[in-house]
Amino acid sequence: MAMEKIGKMVFLLGVLLAAIVGVVLAETTLWIAILAVAGVVVGLLNVEGHEAKTFLLAAIALLAVGSAEDSLGVLWAPLSQVLKNIGVFVAPAAIIVAAKSLWGTAASK
């Protein structure tokens, strides 16, 4: 139960940090590394089997929107950076969740 709470807190902090770094702070390698590590933690702790499909679908949507970051940056320049940061946060989690799903599928056969 405590690990589940940690996963939820890391998820919320990751999204919040992605937005803050995109709007207020200068992007540095340190912030990108922190977002990526937070994504790994979320992938390991926060997403279980029955949530995997929904999470992966949402991750695909966020990463697709993030690929249009230059076009959306015309509306508001920091929006482009926020979407990029969310992609940095979500991508490692999506990789881990997808690997866990594939492992579970392969192991059940």
N, C-alpha and C. Protein backbone atom coordinates (compact mmCIF):
# COMPACT_ATOMS: atom_id res chain seq x y z
N MET A 1 0.82 -1.20 0.00
CA MET A 1 0.00 0.00 0.00
C MET A 1 0.86 1.26 0.00
N ALA A 2 1.93 1.26 0.74
CA ALA A 2 2.81 2.43 0.79
C ALA A 2 3.47 2.67 -0.56
N MET A 3 3.84 1.60 -1.26
CA MET A 3 4.46 1.74 -2.58
C MET A 3 3.48 2.34 -3.58
N GLU A 4 2.20 1.98 -3.46
CA GLU A 4 1.18 2.53 -4.34
C GLU A 4 1.06 4.04 -4.13
N LYS A 5 1.08 4.47 -2.88
CA LYS A 5 1.01 5.90 -2.58
C LYS A 5 2.24 6.64 -3.11
N ILE A 6 3.40 6.01 -2.98
CA ILE A 6 4.62 6.62 -3.50
C ILE A 6 4.52 6.78 -5.01
N GLY A 7 4.03 5.76 -5.70
CA GLY A 7 3.85 5.83 -7.15
C GLY A 7 2.92 6.94 -7.56
N LYS A 8 1.80 7.10 -6.85
CA LYS A 8 0.85 8.18 -7.17
C LYS A 8 1.46 9.55 -6.93
N MET A 9 2.20 9.68 -5.83
CA MET A 9 2.83 10.97 -5.52
C MET A 9 3.89 11.31 -6.57
N VAL A 10 4.68 10.32 -6.99
CA VAL A 10 5.71 10.56 -8.00
C VAL A 10 5.05 10.95 -9.32
N PHE A 11 3.92 10.32 -9.66
CA PHE A 11 3.22 10.68 -10.89
C PHE A 11 2.76 12.13 -10.84
N LEU A 12 2.10 12.51 -9.78
CA LEU A 12 1.62 13.89 -9.66
C LEU A 12 2.77 14.89 -9.66
N LEU A 13 3.83 14.58 -8.93
CA LEU A 13 4.99 15.46 -8.91
C LEU A 13 5.67 15.54 -10.28
N GLY A 14 5.70 14.44 -11.00
CA GLY A 14 6.30 14.43 -12.33
C GLY A 14 5.55 15.32 -13.31
N VAL A 15 4.23 15.23 -13.30
CA VAL A 15 3.43 16.07 -14.19
C VAL A 15 3.59 17.55 -13.80
N LEU A 16 3.54 17.82 -12.50
CA LEU A 16 3.70 19.18 -12.02
C LEU A 16 5.09 19.73 -12.36
N LEU A 17 6.11 18.92 -12.16
CA LEU A 17 7.47 19.34 -12.47
C LEU A 17 7.65 19.58 -13.97
N ALA A 18 7.05 18.73 -14.80
CA ALA A 18 7.13 18.92 -16.25
C ALA A 18 6.54 20.27 -16.65
N ALA A 19 5.43 20.63 -16.03
CA ALA A 19 4.81 21.92 -16.33
C ALA A 19 5.65 23.08 -15.81
N ILE A 20 6.15 22.97 -14.59
CA ILE A 20 6.94 24.06 -14.00
C ILE A 20 8.23 24.28 -14.78
N VAL A 21 8.90 23.20 -15.11
CA VAL A 21 10.15 23.33 -15.87
C VAL A 21 9.87 23.92 -17.25
N GLY A 22 8.75 23.56 -17.84
CA GLY A 22 8.41 24.08 -19.16
C GLY A 22 8.04 25.55 -19.17
N VAL A 23 7.42 26.01 -18.09
CA VAL A 23 6.92 27.39 -18.06
C VAL A 23 7.88 28.33 -17.36
N VAL A 24 8.45 27.90 -16.24
CA VAL A 24 9.17 28.84 -15.37
C VAL A 24 10.69 28.64 -15.40
N LEU A 25 11.14 27.41 -15.29
CA LEU A 25 12.56 27.15 -15.12
C LEU A 25 13.24 26.90 -16.46
N ALA A 26 14.54 27.09 -16.48
CA ALA A 26 15.32 26.78 -17.67
C ALA A 26 15.53 25.27 -17.74
N GLU A 27 15.38 24.73 -18.93
CA GLU A 27 15.58 23.28 -19.10
C GLU A 27 17.07 22.98 -19.02
N THR A 28 17.40 22.04 -18.16
CA THR A 28 18.78 21.58 -18.04
C THR A 28 18.79 20.06 -18.09
N THR A 29 19.96 19.51 -18.25
CA THR A 29 20.09 18.06 -18.27
C THR A 29 19.62 17.45 -16.96
N LEU A 30 19.84 18.15 -15.87
CA LEU A 30 19.41 17.66 -14.56
C LEU A 30 17.90 17.50 -14.50
N TRP A 31 17.15 18.50 -14.95
CA TRP A 31 15.68 18.42 -14.93
C TRP A 31 15.18 17.29 -15.82
N ILE A 32 15.80 17.13 -16.98
CA ILE A 32 15.40 16.06 -17.90
C ILE A 32 15.67 14.70 -17.25
N ALA A 33 16.81 14.57 -16.59
CA ALA A 33 17.13 13.30 -15.91
C ALA A 33 16.15 13.03 -14.78
N ILE A 34 15.78 14.05 -14.02
CA ILE A 34 14.82 13.88 -12.93
C ILE A 34 13.47 13.42 -13.49
N LEU A 35 13.02 14.03 -14.58
CA LEU A 35 11.75 13.63 -15.19
C LEU A 35 11.81 12.19 -15.69
N ALA A 36 12.91 11.81 -16.30
CA ALA A 36 13.05 10.45 -16.81
C ALA A 36 13.06 9.42 -15.67
N VAL A 37 13.79 9.72 -14.61
CA VAL A 37 13.83 8.80 -13.46
C VAL A 37 12.45 8.70 -12.81
N ALA A 38 11.74 9.83 -12.71
CA ALA A 38 10.38 9.80 -12.17
C ALA A 38 9.48 8.92 -13.05
N GLY A 39 9.67 8.98 -14.36
CA GLY A 39 8.90 8.13 -15.26
C GLY A 39 9.18 6.65 -15.03
N VAL A 40 10.43 6.32 -14.78
CA VAL A 40 10.79 4.93 -14.47
C VAL A 40 10.10 4.47 -13.20
N VAL A 41 10.12 5.33 -12.17
CA VAL A 41 9.47 4.98 -10.90
C VAL A 41 7.98 4.77 -11.11
N VAL A 42 7.34 5.64 -11.88
CA VAL A 42 5.91 5.49 -12.15
C VAL A 42 5.65 4.18 -12.89
N GLY A 43 6.46 3.87 -13.88
CA GLY A 43 6.28 2.63 -14.62
C GLY A 43 6.43 1.39 -13.75
N LEU A 44 7.33 1.45 -12.80
CA LEU A 44 7.55 0.30 -11.92
C LEU A 44 6.52 0.18 -10.81
N LEU A 45 6.09 1.30 -10.25
CA LEU A 45 5.25 1.25 -9.05
C LEU A 45 3.77 1.54 -9.28
N ASN A 46 3.44 2.28 -10.30
CA ASN A 46 2.11 2.87 -10.36
C ASN A 46 1.14 2.16 -11.29
N VAL A 47 1.60 1.43 -12.25
CA VAL A 47 0.70 0.86 -13.25
C VAL A 47 0.73 -0.66 -13.13
N GLU A 48 -0.45 -1.23 -12.84
CA GLU A 48 -0.59 -2.67 -12.71
C GLU A 48 -1.27 -3.24 -13.95
N GLY A 49 -1.40 -4.55 -14.00
CA GLY A 49 -1.89 -5.27 -15.17
C GLY A 49 -3.16 -4.73 -15.80
N HIS A 50 -4.21 -4.54 -15.01
CA HIS A 50 -5.49 -4.13 -15.58
C HIS A 50 -5.48 -2.66 -16.01
N GLU A 51 -4.51 -1.88 -15.56
CA GLU A 51 -4.41 -0.47 -15.93
C GLU A 51 -3.50 -0.26 -17.14
N ALA A 52 -2.78 -1.30 -17.55
CA ALA A 52 -1.74 -1.14 -18.56
C ALA A 52 -2.29 -0.65 -19.89
N LYS A 53 -3.41 -1.21 -20.36
CA LYS A 53 -3.95 -0.80 -21.66
C LYS A 53 -4.33 0.68 -21.66
N THR A 54 -5.01 1.10 -20.61
CA THR A 54 -5.43 2.50 -20.53
C THR A 54 -4.22 3.42 -20.45
N PHE A 55 -3.24 3.04 -19.63
CA PHE A 55 -2.04 3.86 -19.49
C PHE A 55 -1.29 3.96 -20.81
N LEU A 56 -1.12 2.83 -21.49
CA LEU A 56 -0.37 2.85 -22.75
C LEU A 56 -1.10 3.65 -23.83
N LEU A 57 -2.41 3.57 -23.87
CA LEU A 57 -3.17 4.36 -24.82
C LEU A 57 -3.00 5.86 -24.53
N ALA A 58 -3.09 6.23 -23.26
CA ALA A 58 -2.90 7.63 -22.89
C ALA A 58 -1.48 8.08 -23.19
N ALA A 59 -0.50 7.21 -22.94
CA ALA A 59 0.90 7.56 -23.22
C ALA A 59 1.11 7.78 -24.71
N ILE A 60 0.51 6.93 -25.55
CA ILE A 60 0.63 7.10 -26.99
C ILE A 60 0.02 8.44 -27.42
N ALA A 61 -1.13 8.77 -26.85
CA ALA A 61 -1.77 10.05 -27.19
C ALA A 61 -0.89 11.22 -26.77
N LEU A 62 -0.34 11.18 -25.56
CA LEU A 62 0.52 12.28 -25.10
C LEU A 62 1.78 12.40 -25.94
N LEU A 63 2.37 11.27 -26.30
CA LEU A 63 3.58 11.32 -27.12
C LEU A 63 3.27 11.80 -28.54
N ALA A 64 2.10 11.46 -29.06
CA ALA A 64 1.71 11.95 -30.39
C ALA A 64 1.48 13.46 -30.36
N VAL A 65 0.81 13.94 -29.34
CA VAL A 65 0.59 15.39 -29.21
C VAL A 65 1.94 16.09 -29.02
N GLY A 66 2.82 15.47 -28.26
CA GLY A 66 4.15 16.04 -28.05
C GLY A 66 4.95 16.16 -29.34
N SER A 67 4.66 15.30 -30.31
CA SER A 67 5.38 15.39 -31.58
C SER A 67 4.94 16.60 -32.39
N ALA A 68 3.81 17.18 -32.03
CA ALA A 68 3.33 18.41 -32.70
C ALA A 68 3.72 19.64 -31.91
N GLU A 69 4.72 19.49 -31.04
CA GLU A 69 5.08 20.57 -30.11
C GLU A 69 5.45 21.87 -30.82
N ASP A 70 6.12 21.81 -31.96
CA ASP A 70 6.51 23.04 -32.65
C ASP A 70 5.29 23.81 -33.13
N SER A 71 4.31 23.09 -33.63
CA SER A 71 3.09 23.76 -34.11
C SER A 71 2.31 24.38 -32.97
N LEU A 72 2.23 23.66 -31.85
CA LEU A 72 1.50 24.18 -30.70
C LEU A 72 2.23 25.32 -30.01
N GLY A 73 3.54 25.37 -30.18
CA GLY A 73 4.32 26.44 -29.60
C GLY A 73 3.97 27.80 -30.16
N VAL A 74 3.35 27.84 -31.33
CA VAL A 74 2.91 29.10 -31.92
C VAL A 74 1.81 29.73 -31.06
N LEU A 75 0.98 28.90 -30.45
CA LEU A 75 -0.09 29.41 -29.59
C LEU A 75 0.47 30.04 -28.33
N TRP A 76 1.40 29.35 -27.70
CA TRP A 76 2.02 29.82 -26.46
C TRP A 76 3.34 29.10 -26.35
N ALA A 77 4.42 29.81 -26.45
CA ALA A 77 5.76 29.20 -26.54
C ALA A 77 6.05 28.16 -25.45
N PRO A 78 5.75 28.42 -24.18
CA PRO A 78 6.05 27.41 -23.15
C PRO A 78 5.26 26.11 -23.31
N LEU A 79 4.13 26.15 -24.02
CA LEU A 79 3.34 24.93 -24.22
C LEU A 79 4.17 23.86 -24.93
N SER A 80 4.97 24.28 -25.88
CA SER A 80 5.84 23.35 -26.59
C SER A 80 6.79 22.65 -25.63
N GLN A 81 7.39 23.40 -24.72
CA GLN A 81 8.33 22.82 -23.77
C GLN A 81 7.63 21.94 -22.74
N VAL A 82 6.44 22.32 -22.32
CA VAL A 82 5.68 21.50 -21.36
C VAL A 82 5.37 20.14 -21.99
N LEU A 83 4.92 20.14 -23.23
CA LEU A 83 4.61 18.87 -23.90
C LEU A 83 5.85 18.01 -24.08
N LYS A 84 6.96 18.64 -24.39
CA LYS A 84 8.21 17.89 -24.52
C LYS A 84 8.59 17.26 -23.17
N ASN A 85 8.46 18.03 -22.10
CA ASN A 85 8.80 17.51 -20.77
C ASN A 85 7.87 16.38 -20.34
N ILE A 86 6.59 16.49 -20.67
CA ILE A 86 5.66 15.41 -20.35
C ILE A 86 6.05 14.15 -21.12
N GLY A 87 6.48 14.32 -22.36
CA GLY A 87 6.96 13.18 -23.14
C GLY A 87 8.17 12.52 -22.50
N VAL A 88 9.10 13.33 -21.99
CA VAL A 88 10.28 12.80 -21.31
C VAL A 88 9.87 12.03 -20.06
N PHE A 89 8.83 12.49 -19.39
CA PHE A 89 8.34 11.85 -18.18
C PHE A 89 7.57 10.56 -18.49
N VAL A 90 6.73 10.59 -19.51
CA VAL A 90 5.83 9.47 -19.81
C VAL A 90 6.54 8.34 -20.57
N ALA A 91 7.48 8.67 -21.44
CA ALA A 91 8.11 7.65 -22.29
C ALA A 91 8.77 6.52 -21.51
N PRO A 92 9.58 6.81 -20.48
CA PRO A 92 10.17 5.68 -19.74
C PRO A 92 9.11 4.82 -19.04
N ALA A 93 8.07 5.47 -18.52
CA ALA A 93 6.99 4.71 -17.87
C ALA A 93 6.30 3.81 -18.90
N ALA A 94 6.05 4.34 -20.08
CA ALA A 94 5.39 3.56 -21.12
C ALA A 94 6.24 2.37 -21.56
N ILE A 95 7.54 2.57 -21.65
CA ILE A 95 8.43 1.47 -22.03
C ILE A 95 8.37 0.35 -20.99
N ILE A 96 8.40 0.74 -19.73
CA ILE A 96 8.38 -0.27 -18.65
C ILE A 96 7.03 -0.98 -18.60
N VAL A 97 5.93 -0.24 -18.71
CA VAL A 97 4.60 -0.84 -18.68
C VAL A 97 4.42 -1.77 -19.88
N ALA A 98 4.87 -1.35 -21.05
CA ALA A 98 4.76 -2.21 -22.23
C ALA A 98 5.58 -3.48 -22.06
N ALA A 99 6.79 -3.35 -21.51
CA ALA A 99 7.63 -4.53 -21.29
C ALA A 99 6.99 -5.47 -20.28
N LYS A 100 6.42 -4.92 -19.21
CA LYS A 100 5.75 -5.76 -18.22
C LYS A 100 4.54 -6.46 -18.84
N SER A 101 3.81 -5.76 -19.69
CA SER A 101 2.64 -6.38 -20.35
C SER A 101 3.08 -7.50 -21.28
N LEU A 102 4.13 -7.25 -22.06
CA LEU A 102 4.62 -8.28 -22.96
C LEU A 102 5.13 -9.49 -22.19
N TRP A 103 5.84 -9.22 -21.11
CA TRP A 103 6.35 -10.31 -20.27
C TRP A 103 5.21 -11.14 -19.70
N GLY A 104 4.18 -10.46 -19.21
CA GLY A 104 3.02 -11.15 -18.64
C GLY A 104 2.29 -11.97 -19.68
N THR A 105 2.16 -11.41 -20.88
CA THR A 105 1.49 -12.12 -21.97
C THR A 105 2.30 -13.35 -22.38
N ALA A 106 3.59 -13.19 -22.54
CA ALA A 106 4.44 -14.30 -22.94
C ALA A 106 4.51 -15.38 -21.87
N ALA A 107 4.55 -14.96 -20.61
CA ALA A 107 4.68 -15.92 -19.53
C ALA A 107 3.40 -16.72 -19.30
N SER A 108 2.24 -16.17 -19.70
CA SER A 108 0.98 -16.87 -19.47
C SER A 108 0.69 -17.91 -20.54
N LYS A 109 1.43 -17.93 -21.60
CA LYS A 109 1.18 -18.89 -22.68
C LYS A 109 1.90 -20.18 -22.47
